Amino acid sequence: MHKCVLTSLALAMISGAAFAQTSELDGLIEAARAEPPTTVYAVTGKIVETAEAFSLKYGLQVTGKKVNESGQIDLLIREHQAGNVTGSVSLASDASVIIADLLSQGVVESWVPQDIAPYLPESARDPLVVVSDPHVWAYNSEAYEACPISNIWQLTDAEWSRRVTLMDPLDKPAYADWFNQLAEHHDAAVAAAYEANYGKPFDGAGESATQAWVKAFAANSPLIGDSSVVAEAIGAPGQEQPFFGMLSTAKFRDNESKGFKLAICTEMQPFSGWLYPGLGVIATGTPAPNTAKLFIYYLLTDEGIEAQRIDGKVPSDPRIGLPDDEPSGVGDVMDQMMVWNTASATSDIDARQDWQDIWRMSLTR
């Protein structure tokens, strides 16, 4: 399945496809026009312009609201408990909580258009993954002719103490879940990277290679910040010794708007980054269920996802590609990315606090 997902994502680099009007779509449009206005939540501010374009296209009143992962979960639960659902669609919230808790409790439901489902990889259908958000290891291309790092274990060495940056796993749960994904599905690859870097097999005395790496990485005093702090620390021009680090490809737009010099570190062992699943779910009990379905349908088209494609977010439908002017170039390294396994959502949730505790106790500032 791992190779199939990679193949499907790699195929997404082809040019965008046109989507014909269908009877399913016609029925949704007609039913939606009899429903009240509604709101859609997403972690990206691009949802505002997407909702505006959607409303104009279909003659509906849908408002886009940027809400972070934990905020979306809180809103979905509180609105469900109150029986007063305002936000009918949640996009790219906390994937593990959505899958392990909210779907099973009936707070949200996953819906996939019959017209589009056959084109999606099986791993993106239940629950629906609208896009995957790449988080990549990055460096400053002005300061370095090529990436100065080739192996994640280098980030635990004294040479890179206080010179690596990323978002806080205590505040950004996807990063703690990334540790669990590595440990559960790719620990052998982390151990192989250790051997490649140090010339001897990993011997953790009962400790996984991933756990040993997380501890050593945190102990090497990385700079913790929000996405803007991380992007500036790595990519701001004029630095003699810029930081190395991890961030979402969405921040590569700063190369044009701010003159940053962000570049992806390719051929990194064991991975150059990871693909976080951006789920699209519908709030159970919304007074605008057909509008919600129509909006999900819209997000699965090249027109509906255009604003996010330019940020390097990879559509699940392989008929839709990344734009030629997507600034990060992540389309060229899809085979070097760790693909998220949504089947491990329960494990990710159960282990999240443990990984955050390991990080917290090991972190040296």
Protein backbone atom coordinates (compact mmCIF):
# COMPACT_ATOMS: atom_id res chain seq x y z
CA MET A 1 0.00 0.00 0.00
CA HIS A 2 2.91 2.32 0.78
CA LYS A 3 4.19 2.16 -2.80
CA CYS A 4 0.69 2.61 -4.21
CA VAL A 5 0.18 5.80 -2.24
CA LEU A 6 3.53 7.15 -3.36
CA THR A 7 2.67 6.35 -6.96
CA SER A 8 -0.69 8.09 -6.71
CA LEU A 9 0.88 11.15 -5.13
CA ALA A 10 3.62 11.22 -7.75
CA LEU A 11 0.98 11.07 -10.48
CA ALA A 12 -0.52 14.21 -8.97
CA MET A 13 2.28 16.15 -10.59
CA ILE A 14 0.50 15.96 -13.96
CA SER A 15 -1.46 18.95 -15.21
CA GLY A 16 -4.80 19.80 -13.63
CA ALA A 17 -7.91 18.13 -14.99
CA ALA A 18 -11.31 19.52 -15.85
CA PHE A 19 -14.32 18.08 -14.03
CA ALA A 20 -17.55 17.71 -15.94
CA GLN A 21 -20.95 18.60 -14.50
CA THR A 22 -22.70 15.41 -13.35
CA SER A 23 -26.10 14.39 -12.07
CA GLU A 24 -24.65 13.99 -8.58
CA LEU A 25 -23.31 17.53 -8.70
CA ASP A 26 -26.54 18.92 -10.14
CA GLY A 27 -28.53 17.37 -7.30
CA LEU A 28 -26.25 18.84 -4.66
CA ILE A 29 -26.46 22.32 -6.17
CA GLU A 30 -30.25 22.26 -6.25
CA ALA A 31 -30.56 20.97 -2.67
CA ALA A 32 -27.93 23.38 -1.32
CA ARG A 33 -29.80 26.43 -2.59
CA ALA A 34 -32.64 25.61 -0.19
CA GLU A 35 -30.32 25.60 2.83
CA PRO A 36 -29.21 28.40 5.19
CA PRO A 37 -25.77 30.09 5.08
CA THR A 38 -22.97 28.19 6.74
CA THR A 39 -19.30 28.37 7.74
CA VAL A 40 -16.31 26.20 6.84
CA TYR A 41 -13.17 25.85 8.97
CA ALA A 42 -9.58 25.29 7.80
CA VAL A 43 -6.07 25.78 9.16
CA THR A 44 -5.13 27.95 6.19
CA GLY A 45 -6.23 31.52 5.63
CA LYS A 46 -6.74 30.57 1.98
CA ILE A 47 -10.10 29.14 3.05
CA VAL A 48 -11.51 32.67 3.08
CA GLU A 49 -10.98 33.28 -0.63
CA THR A 50 -11.95 29.69 -1.45
CA ALA A 51 -15.30 30.12 0.31
CA GLU A 52 -15.86 33.43 -1.47
CA ALA A 53 -15.19 31.88 -4.86
CA PHE A 54 -17.45 28.94 -4.02
CA SER A 55 -20.28 31.24 -2.93
CA LEU A 56 -20.00 33.28 -6.11
CA LYS A 57 -19.92 30.19 -8.31
CA TYR A 58 -23.00 28.53 -6.83
CA GLY A 59 -25.01 31.49 -5.54
CA LEU A 60 -24.66 30.41 -1.90
CA GLN A 61 -23.52 32.07 1.32
CA VAL A 62 -20.54 30.23 2.75
CA THR A 63 -17.97 31.90 5.01
CA GLY A 64 -14.44 30.61 5.35
CA LYS A 65 -12.80 30.88 8.75
CA LYS A 66 -9.16 30.15 9.61
CA VAL A 67 -8.99 28.07 12.80
CA ASN A 68 -5.99 26.06 14.01
CA GLU A 69 -6.13 22.30 14.55
CA SER A 70 -7.03 22.26 18.24
CA GLY A 71 -9.46 25.13 17.74
CA GLN A 72 -11.35 23.22 15.08
CA ILE A 73 -11.64 20.15 17.30
CA ASP A 74 -12.96 22.29 20.15
CA LEU A 75 -15.52 24.01 17.93
CA LEU A 76 -16.73 20.77 16.38
CA ILE A 77 -17.25 19.14 19.78
CA ARG A 78 -18.89 22.13 21.46
CA GLU A 79 -21.22 22.85 18.55
CA HIS A 80 -22.20 19.18 18.38
CA GLN A 81 -22.92 19.01 22.11
CA ALA A 82 -24.93 22.23 21.97
CA GLY A 83 -26.94 21.03 19.00
CA ASN A 84 -26.08 24.27 17.23
CA VAL A 85 -23.73 23.47 14.36
CA THR A 86 -22.26 26.59 12.75
CA GLY A 87 -19.25 25.12 11.01
CA SER A 88 -20.42 22.50 8.54
CA VAL A 89 -17.00 21.52 7.10
CA SER A 90 -13.63 20.99 8.77
CA LEU A 91 -10.54 20.90 6.59
CA ALA A 92 -7.07 19.81 7.70
CA SER A 93 -7.75 19.63 11.41
CA ASP A 94 -6.04 17.22 13.82
CA ALA A 95 -6.17 14.06 11.70
CA SER A 96 -5.57 11.63 14.55
CA VAL A 97 -8.31 13.08 16.77
CA ILE A 98 -10.74 13.27 13.85
CA ILE A 99 -10.17 9.63 12.93
CA ALA A 100 -9.79 8.08 16.39
CA ASP A 101 -12.44 10.09 18.26
CA LEU A 102 -14.77 12.39 16.35
CA LEU A 103 -15.71 10.01 13.55
CA SER A 104 -16.38 7.13 15.94
CA GLN A 105 -18.44 9.36 18.24
CA GLY A 106 -20.57 10.67 15.40
CA VAL A 107 -19.42 14.28 15.78
CA VAL A 108 -18.36 14.37 12.13
CA GLU A 109 -18.76 12.14 9.09
CA SER A 110 -16.67 11.50 6.02
CA TRP A 111 -18.27 11.80 2.59
CA VAL A 112 -16.70 11.16 -0.80
CA PRO A 113 -18.43 12.08 -4.10
CA GLN A 114 -19.26 8.96 -6.12
CA ASP A 115 -18.03 10.73 -9.26
CA ILE A 116 -14.55 11.30 -7.82
CA ALA A 117 -14.03 8.33 -5.47
CA PRO A 118 -12.75 5.93 -8.16
CA TYR A 119 -9.87 8.29 -8.94
CA LEU A 120 -8.64 8.57 -5.34
CA PRO A 121 -6.13 6.14 -3.80
CA GLU A 122 -7.88 3.81 -1.36
CA SER A 123 -5.96 5.34 1.53
CA ALA A 124 -7.57 8.72 0.80
CA ARG A 125 -11.20 7.58 0.67
CA ASP A 126 -12.11 6.60 4.23
CA PRO A 127 -11.77 9.06 5.77
CA LEU A 128 -11.47 11.48 2.88
CA VAL A 129 -8.05 13.08 2.47
CA VAL A 130 -8.50 16.22 0.37
CA VAL A 131 -4.83 17.22 0.25
CA SER A 132 -1.53 16.23 1.84
CA ASP A 133 0.52 18.99 3.47
CA PRO A 134 4.29 18.46 2.97
CA HIS A 135 6.61 19.34 5.84
CA VAL A 136 10.21 19.32 4.63
CA TRP A 137 13.75 19.70 5.87
CA ALA A 138 14.99 23.01 4.51
CA TYR A 139 18.15 25.14 4.30
CA ASN A 140 19.23 28.59 3.14
CA SER A 141 20.34 28.42 -0.49
CA GLU A 142 22.16 31.77 -0.25
CA ALA A 143 24.44 30.57 2.53
CA TYR A 144 24.95 27.04 1.20
CA GLU A 145 25.53 25.85 -2.36
CA ALA A 146 23.90 22.55 -1.41
CA CYS A 147 22.11 21.17 1.63
CA PRO A 148 24.61 20.95 4.54
CA ILE A 149 22.78 17.97 6.06
CA SER A 150 22.21 14.52 4.59
CA ASN A 151 21.12 12.53 7.65
CA ILE A 152 18.80 13.34 10.58
CA TRP A 153 21.38 11.98 13.04
CA GLN A 154 23.69 14.87 12.13
CA LEU A 155 21.14 17.10 13.85
CA THR A 156 22.08 15.49 17.17
CA ASP A 157 25.80 16.37 16.85
CA ALA A 158 27.45 19.30 18.65
CA GLU A 159 28.13 21.04 15.34
CA TRP A 160 24.38 21.67 14.94
CA SER A 161 23.57 22.57 18.53
CA ARG A 162 21.33 25.67 18.61
CA ARG A 163 21.34 25.77 14.79
CA VAL A 164 18.21 23.73 13.99
CA THR A 165 14.63 24.98 14.17
CA LEU A 166 11.12 23.55 13.94
CA MET A 167 7.63 24.09 15.32
CA ASP A 168 6.96 22.94 18.87
CA PRO A 169 5.67 19.35 19.15
CA LEU A 170 3.94 20.44 22.36
CA ASP A 171 1.84 22.99 20.47
CA LYS A 172 1.76 21.36 17.02
CA PRO A 173 0.49 17.83 17.67
CA ALA A 174 1.26 16.69 14.13
CA TYR A 175 4.95 16.84 15.05
CA ALA A 176 4.48 14.54 18.04
CA ASP A 177 2.41 12.23 15.85
CA TRP A 178 5.23 12.31 13.28
CA PHE A 179 7.52 10.80 15.92
CA ASN A 180 5.01 8.01 16.45
CA GLN A 181 4.62 7.41 12.73
CA LEU A 182 8.40 7.04 12.45
CA ALA A 183 8.58 4.67 15.42
CA GLU A 184 5.67 2.50 14.36
CA HIS A 185 6.29 2.25 10.63
CA HIS A 186 9.85 3.37 9.86
CA ASP A 187 12.03 2.65 12.89
CA ALA A 188 14.22 0.34 10.82
CA ALA A 189 14.86 3.24 8.42
CA VAL A 190 15.82 5.51 11.34
CA ALA A 191 18.20 2.79 12.58
CA ALA A 192 19.66 2.41 9.09
CA ALA A 193 20.25 6.17 8.97
CA TYR A 194 22.12 5.88 12.28
CA GLU A 195 24.42 3.21 10.85
CA ALA A 196 24.99 5.25 7.70
CA ASN A 197 25.96 8.27 9.76
CA TYR A 198 28.11 6.63 12.47
CA GLY A 199 29.39 3.54 10.67
CA LYS A 200 28.05 1.10 13.26
CA PRO A 201 24.70 -0.59 13.89
CA PHE A 202 22.21 1.09 16.20
CA ASP A 203 22.09 -0.51 19.65
CA GLY A 204 19.46 1.14 21.76
CA ALA A 205 19.47 -1.36 24.62
CA GLY A 206 15.72 -1.82 24.30
CA GLU A 207 15.02 1.73 23.16
CA SER A 208 13.75 2.31 19.62
CA ALA A 209 15.94 4.20 17.17
CA THR A 210 13.24 6.84 16.83
CA GLN A 211 13.04 7.40 20.57
CA ALA A 212 16.83 7.68 20.81
CA TRP A 213 16.87 10.20 17.96
CA VAL A 214 14.05 12.32 19.42
CA LYS A 215 15.83 12.47 22.78
CA ALA A 216 19.19 13.39 21.26
CA PHE A 217 17.66 15.90 18.87
CA ALA A 218 15.74 17.67 21.64
CA ALA A 219 18.85 17.68 23.85
CA ASN A 220 20.79 19.50 21.11
CA SER A 221 18.92 22.75 21.81
CA PRO A 222 16.77 23.30 18.70
CA LEU A 223 15.05 26.66 18.28
CA ILE A 224 11.30 26.29 18.79
CA GLY A 225 8.92 28.76 17.19
CA ASP A 226 5.81 29.27 15.11
CA SER A 227 5.90 28.85 11.35
CA SER A 228 6.96 32.45 10.71
CA VAL A 229 9.84 32.28 13.19
CA VAL A 230 11.05 29.00 11.70
CA ALA A 231 10.85 30.29 8.11
CA GLU A 232 12.77 33.46 8.95
CA ALA A 233 15.45 31.64 10.94
CA ILE A 234 16.14 29.37 7.99
CA GLY A 235 15.47 31.49 4.95
CA ALA A 236 16.06 35.17 5.72
CA PRO A 237 18.75 36.58 3.39
CA GLY A 238 22.07 37.99 4.55
CA GLN A 239 22.80 35.42 7.25
CA GLU A 240 26.33 34.10 7.74
CA GLN A 241 25.18 31.01 9.64
CA PRO A 242 21.45 30.49 9.15
CA PHE A 243 19.44 27.77 10.84
CA PHE A 244 18.56 24.45 9.28
CA GLY A 245 15.08 23.10 9.99
CA MET A 246 11.68 21.75 9.14
CA LEU A 247 8.62 23.63 7.95
CA SER A 248 5.58 23.40 5.70
CA THR A 249 6.08 24.06 2.01
CA ALA A 250 3.44 26.79 2.37
CA LYS A 251 6.16 29.05 3.82
CA PHE A 252 8.18 28.87 0.61
CA ARG A 253 5.95 31.63 -0.74
CA ASP A 254 8.13 33.90 1.43
CA ASN A 255 10.89 33.40 -1.14
CA GLU A 256 8.97 35.74 -3.43
CA SER A 257 7.18 37.98 -0.96
CA LYS A 258 10.11 38.50 1.46
CA GLY A 259 13.17 37.53 -0.55
CA PHE A 260 13.80 34.43 1.54
CA LYS A 261 16.17 31.72 0.32
CA LEU A 262 14.37 28.57 1.44
CA ALA A 263 15.31 25.35 -0.34
CA ILE A 264 14.34 21.71 0.24
CA CYS A 265 17.07 19.39 1.51
CA THR A 266 16.84 16.49 -0.92
CA GLU A 267 18.14 12.95 -0.42
CA MET A 268 17.89 13.32 3.36
CA GLN A 269 18.10 10.02 5.28
CA PRO A 270 15.69 8.50 6.02
CA PHE A 271 13.24 11.03 4.55
CA SER A 272 13.32 14.57 3.20
CA GLY A 273 10.04 15.25 4.96
CA TRP A 274 6.53 13.92 5.51
CA LEU A 275 3.06 14.33 4.07
CA TYR A 276 0.38 15.25 6.61
CA PRO A 277 -3.18 14.26 5.62
CA GLY A 278 -5.60 17.15 5.25
CA LEU A 279 -8.92 15.49 6.02
CA GLY A 280 -12.20 16.95 4.79
CA VAL A 281 -15.12 16.06 7.09
CA ILE A 282 -18.71 17.24 7.55
CA ALA A 283 -20.19 18.14 10.92
CA THR A 284 -23.03 15.81 11.87
CA GLY A 285 -26.24 17.74 12.38
CA THR A 286 -25.36 20.69 10.19
CA PRO A 287 -28.45 22.49 8.87
CA ALA A 288 -26.67 22.73 5.51
CA PRO A 289 -25.61 19.14 4.73
CA ASN A 290 -25.90 19.49 0.97
CA THR A 291 -23.94 22.74 0.98
CA ALA A 292 -21.28 20.95 3.00
CA LYS A 293 -21.13 18.09 0.50
CA LEU A 294 -21.02 20.53 -2.39
CA PHE A 295 -18.11 22.35 -0.73
CA ILE A 296 -16.24 19.05 -0.26
CA TYR A 297 -16.89 18.32 -3.94
CA TYR A 298 -15.53 21.76 -4.83
CA LEU A 299 -12.36 21.17 -2.81
CA LEU A 300 -11.74 18.01 -4.81
CA THR A 301 -11.59 19.93 -8.10
CA ASP A 302 -8.65 21.83 -9.53
CA GLU A 303 -10.61 25.08 -9.22
CA GLY A 304 -11.56 24.51 -5.59
CA ILE A 305 -8.12 23.52 -4.39
CA GLU A 306 -6.15 26.01 -6.52
CA ALA A 307 -5.39 28.38 -3.63
CA GLN A 308 -3.77 25.56 -1.66
CA ARG A 309 -1.96 23.91 -4.57
CA ILE A 310 0.22 26.99 -4.98
CA ASP A 311 1.41 26.37 -1.40
CA GLY A 312 2.61 22.90 -2.31
CA LYS A 313 -0.35 21.01 -0.84
CA VAL A 314 -0.78 17.87 -2.92
CA PRO A 315 -4.34 17.00 -4.03
CA SER A 316 -5.37 13.39 -3.44
CA ASP A 317 -6.91 13.16 -6.89
CA PRO A 318 -4.02 12.26 -9.22
CA ARG A 319 -5.71 14.08 -12.10
CA ILE A 320 -4.87 17.37 -10.39
CA GLY A 321 -1.26 18.51 -10.30
CA LEU A 322 0.81 21.12 -8.56
CA PRO A 323 1.14 24.40 -10.47
CA ASP A 324 4.29 24.95 -12.50
CA ASP A 325 5.11 27.98 -10.35
CA GLU A 326 4.70 26.21 -6.96
CA PRO A 327 7.74 27.73 -5.18
CA SER A 328 9.14 24.84 -3.12
CA GLY A 329 9.61 22.26 -5.88
CA VAL A 330 8.26 19.52 -3.61
CA GLY A 331 6.79 17.77 -6.63
CA ASP A 332 10.29 16.65 -7.56
CA VAL A 333 10.92 14.88 -4.25
CA MET A 334 7.65 13.07 -3.62
CA ASP A 335 9.44 9.72 -3.60
CA GLN A 336 11.61 10.98 -0.71
CA MET A 337 8.70 11.86 1.56
CA MET A 338 7.31 9.78 4.42
CA VAL A 339 3.70 8.97 3.60
CA TRP A 340 1.37 9.25 6.60
CA ASN A 341 -0.47 6.07 7.59
CA THR A 342 -3.95 7.14 8.72
CA ALA A 343 -4.67 3.59 9.91
CA SER A 344 -2.42 4.37 12.89
CA ALA A 345 -4.54 7.25 14.16
CA THR A 346 -5.51 5.52 17.40
CA SER A 347 -1.87 4.68 18.10
CA ASP A 348 -0.87 8.27 17.33
CA ILE A 349 -3.40 9.59 19.85
CA ASP A 350 -2.56 7.02 22.51
CA ALA A 351 1.17 7.72 22.22
CA ARG A 352 1.00 11.49 21.69
CA GLN A 353 1.39 12.43 25.34
CA ASP A 354 4.27 9.99 25.71
CA TRP A 355 6.15 11.54 22.79
CA GLN A 356 5.45 15.04 24.07
CA ASP A 357 6.77 14.01 27.50
CA ILE A 358 9.93 12.58 25.92
CA TRP A 359 10.40 15.83 24.02
CA ARG A 360 9.70 18.01 27.04
CA MET A 361 12.05 16.13 29.36
CA SER A 362 14.86 15.95 26.79
CA LEU A 363 14.67 19.52 25.48
CA THR A 364 17.66 21.68 26.31
CA ARG A 365 17.41 25.40 25.67
